[in-house]
Structure formats: structure tokens, C-alpha cells
Amino acid sequence: MGFWDDFADTTKQVFDYTGNKADELVQKGKLKYRIEKLSYQLRQQQRKLGALVYGLKKAGKENAPLLDECMGQIDVLVDQLREARSQYDSVGGSKKIYCPRCGFENADYALYCISCGQKLQEDEGEKEPQPPVE
């Protein structure tokens, strides 16, 4: 093979590698958005359950079917969140965040340390997450 053949082959390898990395980044961005959105929905549903329990208790009433329905919706969101996190972790190049308090290795989407509860990232409040820009 001549110089130009080697050059063309190397260039093709670089473009293939770059394309694969770009695909990974897009996939990770979409998954991270899904994780953030599911986390937001889960927090909203948990608040709804808390308000429902409080309201029922204050009124001296019980409504087990309504509580069961609300908890079922939370269970679905927890399962979806677990699956999305698993998919995110399986995409190549996942980085970790180390807790400044205990040093535990957390996924880069974690807001709080799984080990000690230390806040890891600045929480942007209770805004609904925005989709990634492509």
C-alpha cells in the first residue's frame, strides 16, 4: 500500500471512531434526559401521594384504592427509572462522580450520594427538564 492508501485508511478509521463517539454522546444525552424527566415525574407523584395521605388523615377518612393507585404509579416510575439508569450505564464511556464527603463512586446522573446522602450536583430546582438540543 502506498502513502495515500495508508492515509485514506487512517482517515476512515478516525471518521468511524468519531462517528461512534458522537452516536454514544447522542444516546447518552437522550438517556440522561429520560432519567431527569422520570426523576421529576417521580418526585411529583411522591408529592401527590404525600398530599393525599395528609388530606385523608386530616379529614379522618381512608381511601385505600386511591392510595394503592397512586403507589402503583410510583412503582411504575421507579421501574422505568431503574431501566433507564441501567441503559445509561451500559452505554460506553459512562463517567462517575465521587462523593466529596465519603468518596463513594456514583453515576454521573446522581444528584445525591447513594452511600451518605451528600448533595453531588447543583439541583436546578423543581423545573421540568428540557430535552437535549441536537
C-alpha atoms as a PDB file:
ATOM      1  CA  MET A   1       0.000   0.000   0.000  1.00  0.00           C
ATOM      2  CA  GLY A   2       1.178   3.469  -0.802  1.00  0.00           C
ATOM      3  CA  PHE A   3       1.161   6.594   1.292  1.00  0.00           C
ATOM      4  CA  TRP A   4      -2.235   7.737   0.011  1.00  0.00           C
ATOM      5  CA  ASP A   5      -3.815   4.353   0.669  1.00  0.00           C
ATOM      6  CA  ASP A   6      -2.482   4.404   4.241  1.00  0.00           C
ATOM      7  CA  PHE A   7      -3.680   7.979   4.640  1.00  0.00           C
ATOM      8  CA  ALA A   8      -7.167   7.132   3.340  1.00  0.00           C
ATOM      9  CA  ASP A   9      -7.376   4.062   5.598  1.00  0.00           C
ATOM     10  CA  THR A  10      -6.290   6.035   8.681  1.00  0.00           C
ATOM     11  CA  THR A  11      -8.703   8.845   7.836  1.00  0.00           C
ATOM     12  CA  LYS A  12     -11.561   6.352   7.510  1.00  0.00           C
ATOM     13  CA  GLN A  13     -10.701   4.844  10.901  1.00  0.00           C
ATOM     14  CA  VAL A  14     -10.668   8.304  12.505  1.00  0.00           C
ATOM     15  CA  PHE A  15     -14.060   9.170  10.987  1.00  0.00           C
ATOM     16  CA  ASP A  16     -15.529   5.816  12.086  1.00  0.00           C
ATOM     17  CA  TYR A  17     -14.242   6.318  15.641  1.00  0.00           C
ATOM     18  CA  THR A  18     -15.533   9.904  15.744  1.00  0.00           C
ATOM     19  CA  GLY A  19     -18.919   8.838  14.402  1.00  0.00           C
ATOM     20  CA  ASN A  20     -19.211   6.092  17.029  1.00  0.00           C
ATOM     21  CA  LYS A  21     -18.334   8.520  19.822  1.00  0.00           C
ATOM     22  CA  ALA A  22     -20.869  11.048  18.516  1.00  0.00           C
ATOM     23  CA  ASP A  23     -23.551   8.341  18.459  1.00  0.00           C
ATOM     24  CA  GLU A  24     -22.668   7.410  22.051  1.00  0.00           C
ATOM     25  CA  LEU A  25     -22.941  11.027  23.156  1.00  0.00           C
ATOM     26  CA  VAL A  26     -26.336  11.449  21.499  1.00  0.00           C
ATOM     27  CA  GLN A  27     -27.590   8.220  23.047  1.00  0.00           C
ATOM     28  CA  LYS A  28     -26.279   9.218  26.492  1.00  0.00           C
ATOM     29  CA  GLY A  29     -27.857  12.664  26.164  1.00  0.00           C
ATOM     30  CA  LYS A  30     -31.243  11.178  25.346  1.00  0.00           C
ATOM     31  CA  LEU A  31     -30.992   8.689  28.199  1.00  0.00           C
ATOM     32  CA  LYS A  32     -29.893  11.369  30.656  1.00  0.00           C
ATOM     33  CA  TYR A  33     -32.886  13.486  29.627  1.00  0.00           C
ATOM     34  CA  ARG A  34     -35.168  10.471  30.146  1.00  0.00           C
ATOM     35  CA  ILE A  35     -33.647   9.876  33.601  1.00  0.00           C
ATOM     36  CA  GLU A  36     -34.137  13.523  34.565  1.00  0.00           C
ATOM     37  CA  LYS A  37     -37.711  13.541  33.287  1.00  0.00           C
ATOM     38  CA  LEU A  38     -38.599  10.304  35.084  1.00  0.00           C
ATOM     39  CA  SER A  39     -36.983  11.619  38.283  1.00  0.00           C
ATOM     40  CA  TYR A  40     -39.060  14.781  38.004  1.00  0.00           C
ATOM     41  CA  GLN A  41     -42.258  12.775  37.429  1.00  0.00           C
ATOM     42  CA  LEU A  42     -41.404  10.522  40.376  1.00  0.00           C
ATOM     43  CA  ARG A  43     -40.912  13.497  42.707  1.00  0.00           C
ATOM     44  CA  GLN A  44     -44.233  14.968  41.538  1.00  0.00           C
ATOM     45  CA  GLN A  45     -46.047  11.673  42.110  1.00  0.00           C
ATOM     46  CA  GLN A  46     -44.477  11.278  45.567  1.00  0.00           C
ATOM     47  CA  ARG A  47     -45.627  14.790  46.476  1.00  0.00           C
ATOM     48  CA  LYS A  48     -49.100  13.931  45.260  1.00  0.00           C
ATOM     49  CA  LEU A  49     -49.118  10.821  47.460  1.00  0.00           C
ATOM     50  CA  GLY A  50     -47.918  12.832  50.453  1.00  0.00           C
ATOM     51  CA  ALA A  51     -50.618  15.460  49.942  1.00  0.00           C
ATOM     52  CA  LEU A  52     -53.246  12.727  49.548  1.00  0.00           C
ATOM     53  CA  VAL A  53     -52.192  10.957  52.753  1.00  0.00           C
ATOM     54  CA  TYR A  54     -52.132  14.265  54.619  1.00  0.00           C
ATOM     55  CA  GLY A  55     -55.555  15.302  53.319  1.00  0.00           C
ATOM     56  CA  LEU A  56     -57.135  11.957  54.139  1.00  0.00           C
ATOM     57  CA  LYS A  57     -55.636  11.941  57.641  1.00  0.00           C
ATOM     58  CA  LYS A  58     -56.796  15.496  58.344  1.00  0.00           C
ATOM     59  CA  ALA A  59     -60.307  14.608  57.148  1.00  0.00           C
ATOM     60  CA  GLY A  60     -60.335  11.436  59.233  1.00  0.00           C
ATOM     61  CA  LYS A  61     -61.044   9.328  56.167  1.00  0.00           C
ATOM     62  CA  GLU A  62     -59.481   6.371  54.404  1.00  0.00           C
ATOM     63  CA  ASN A  63     -59.311   5.612  50.702  1.00  0.00           C
ATOM     64  CA  ALA A  64     -57.136   2.541  50.197  1.00  0.00           C
ATOM     65  CA  PRO A  65     -57.936   2.127  46.455  1.00  0.00           C
ATOM     66  CA  LEU A  66     -56.831   5.687  45.723  1.00  0.00           C
ATOM     67  CA  LEU A  67     -53.636   5.251  47.759  1.00  0.00           C
ATOM     68  CA  ASP A  68     -52.944   1.926  46.021  1.00  0.00           C
ATOM     69  CA  GLU A  69     -53.396   3.540  42.607  1.00  0.00           C
ATOM     70  CA  CYS A  70     -51.022   6.376  43.485  1.00  0.00           C
ATOM     71  CA  MET A  71     -48.413   3.950  44.861  1.00  0.00           C
ATOM     72  CA  GLY A  72     -48.785   1.792  41.748  1.00  0.00           C
ATOM     73  CA  GLN A  73     -47.960   4.800  39.578  1.00  0.00           C
ATOM     74  CA  ILE A  74     -44.874   5.420  41.723  1.00  0.00           C
ATOM     75  CA  ASP A  75     -43.820   1.770  41.325  1.00  0.00           C
ATOM     76  CA  VAL A  76     -44.111   2.055  37.522  1.00  0.00           C
ATOM     77  CA  LEU A  77     -41.974   5.211  37.517  1.00  0.00           C
ATOM     78  CA  VAL A  78     -39.366   3.582  39.777  1.00  0.00           C
ATOM     79  CA  ASP A  79     -39.140   0.590  37.409  1.00  0.00           C
ATOM     80  CA  GLN A  80     -38.836   2.867  34.355  1.00  0.00           C
ATOM     81  CA  LEU A  81     -36.164   4.920  36.112  1.00  0.00           C
ATOM     82  CA  ARG A  82     -34.211   1.796  37.071  1.00  0.00           C
ATOM     83  CA  GLU A  83     -34.316   0.578  33.451  1.00  0.00           C
ATOM     84  CA  ALA A  84     -33.239   3.960  32.058  1.00  0.00           C
ATOM     85  CA  ARG A  85     -30.313   4.096  34.508  1.00  0.00           C
ATOM     86  CA  SER A  86     -29.298   0.576  33.530  1.00  0.00           C
ATOM     87  CA  GLN A  87     -29.351   1.537  29.842  1.00  0.00           C
ATOM     88  CA  TYR A  88     -27.351   4.686  30.582  1.00  0.00           C
ATOM     89  CA  ASP A  89     -24.723   2.707  32.492  1.00  0.00           C
ATOM     90  CA  SER A  90     -24.391   0.228  29.624  1.00  0.00           C
ATOM     91  CA  VAL A  91     -23.513   2.945  27.081  1.00  0.00           C
ATOM     92  CA  GLY A  92     -19.744   3.209  26.716  1.00  0.00           C
ATOM     93  CA  GLY A  93     -17.769   5.903  28.426  1.00  0.00           C
ATOM     94  CA  SER A  94     -20.001   6.394  31.470  1.00  0.00           C
ATOM     95  CA  LYS A  95     -18.194   8.557  33.971  1.00  0.00           C
ATOM     96  CA  LYS A  96     -18.608   8.533  37.710  1.00  0.00           C
ATOM     97  CA  ILE A  97     -18.895  11.254  40.336  1.00  0.00           C
ATOM     98  CA  TYR A  98     -17.077  10.692  43.591  1.00  0.00           C
ATOM     99  CA  CYS A  99     -18.740  11.934  46.759  1.00  0.00           C
ATOM    100  CA  PRO A 100     -16.766  14.750  48.403  1.00  0.00           C
ATOM    101  CA  ARG A 101     -17.829  13.514  51.851  1.00  0.00           C
ATOM    102  CA  CYS A 102     -17.344   9.727  51.740  1.00  0.00           C
ATOM    103  CA  GLY A 103     -15.653   9.090  48.369  1.00  0.00           C
ATOM    104  CA  PHE A 104     -18.353   6.700  47.142  1.00  0.00           C
ATOM    105  CA  GLU A 105     -18.482   6.269  43.348  1.00  0.00           C
ATOM    106  CA  ASN A 106     -21.852   7.455  41.998  1.00  0.00           C
ATOM    107  CA  ALA A 107     -23.196   7.581  38.440  1.00  0.00           C
ATOM    108  CA  ASP A 108     -22.868  10.978  36.749  1.00  0.00           C
ATOM    109  CA  TYR A 109     -26.644  11.489  36.748  1.00  0.00           C
ATOM    110  CA  ALA A 110     -26.848  11.152  40.557  1.00  0.00           C
ATOM    111  CA  LEU A 111     -27.877  14.255  42.477  1.00  0.00           C
ATOM    112  CA  TYR A 112     -27.111  12.739  45.892  1.00  0.00           C
ATOM    113  CA  CYS A 113     -24.586  10.166  47.081  1.00  0.00           C
ATOM    114  CA  ILE A 114     -26.122   6.724  47.341  1.00  0.00           C
ATOM    115  CA  SER A 115     -23.910   5.949  50.329  1.00  0.00           C
ATOM    116  CA  CYS A 116     -24.184   9.005  52.602  1.00  0.00           C
ATOM    117  CA  GLY A 117     -26.797  11.310  51.027  1.00  0.00           C
ATOM    118  CA  GLN A 118     -24.399  14.215  50.338  1.00  0.00           C
ATOM    119  CA  LYS A 119     -25.595  16.528  47.549  1.00  0.00           C
ATOM    120  CA  LEU A 120     -23.401  15.895  44.492  1.00  0.00           C
ATOM    121  CA  GLN A 121     -24.694  18.334  41.909  1.00  0.00           C
ATOM    122  CA  GLU A 122     -26.483  21.614  41.911  1.00  0.00           C
ATOM    123  CA  ASP A 123     -30.162  20.843  41.677  1.00  0.00           C
ATOM    124  CA  GLU A 124     -31.812  23.230  39.239  1.00  0.00           C
ATOM    125  CA  GLY A 125     -34.888  23.468  41.425  1.00  0.00           C
ATOM    126  CA  GLU A 126     -38.109  21.821  40.543  1.00  0.00           C
ATOM    127  CA  LYS A 127     -38.127  22.783  36.886  1.00  0.00           C
ATOM    128  CA  GLU A 128     -39.188  20.150  34.432  1.00  0.00           C
ATOM    129  CA  PRO A 129     -36.114  19.026  32.456  1.00  0.00           C
ATOM    130  CA  GLN A 130     -35.763  20.320  28.911  1.00  0.00           C
ATOM    131  CA  PRO A 131     -34.958  17.965  26.014  1.00  0.00           C
ATOM    132  CA  PRO A 132     -31.376  17.945  24.727  1.00  0.00           C
ATOM    133  CA  VAL A 133     -30.608  20.168  21.753  1.00  0.00           C
ATOM    134  CA  GLU A 134     -29.483  18.197  18.719  1.00  0.00           C
END
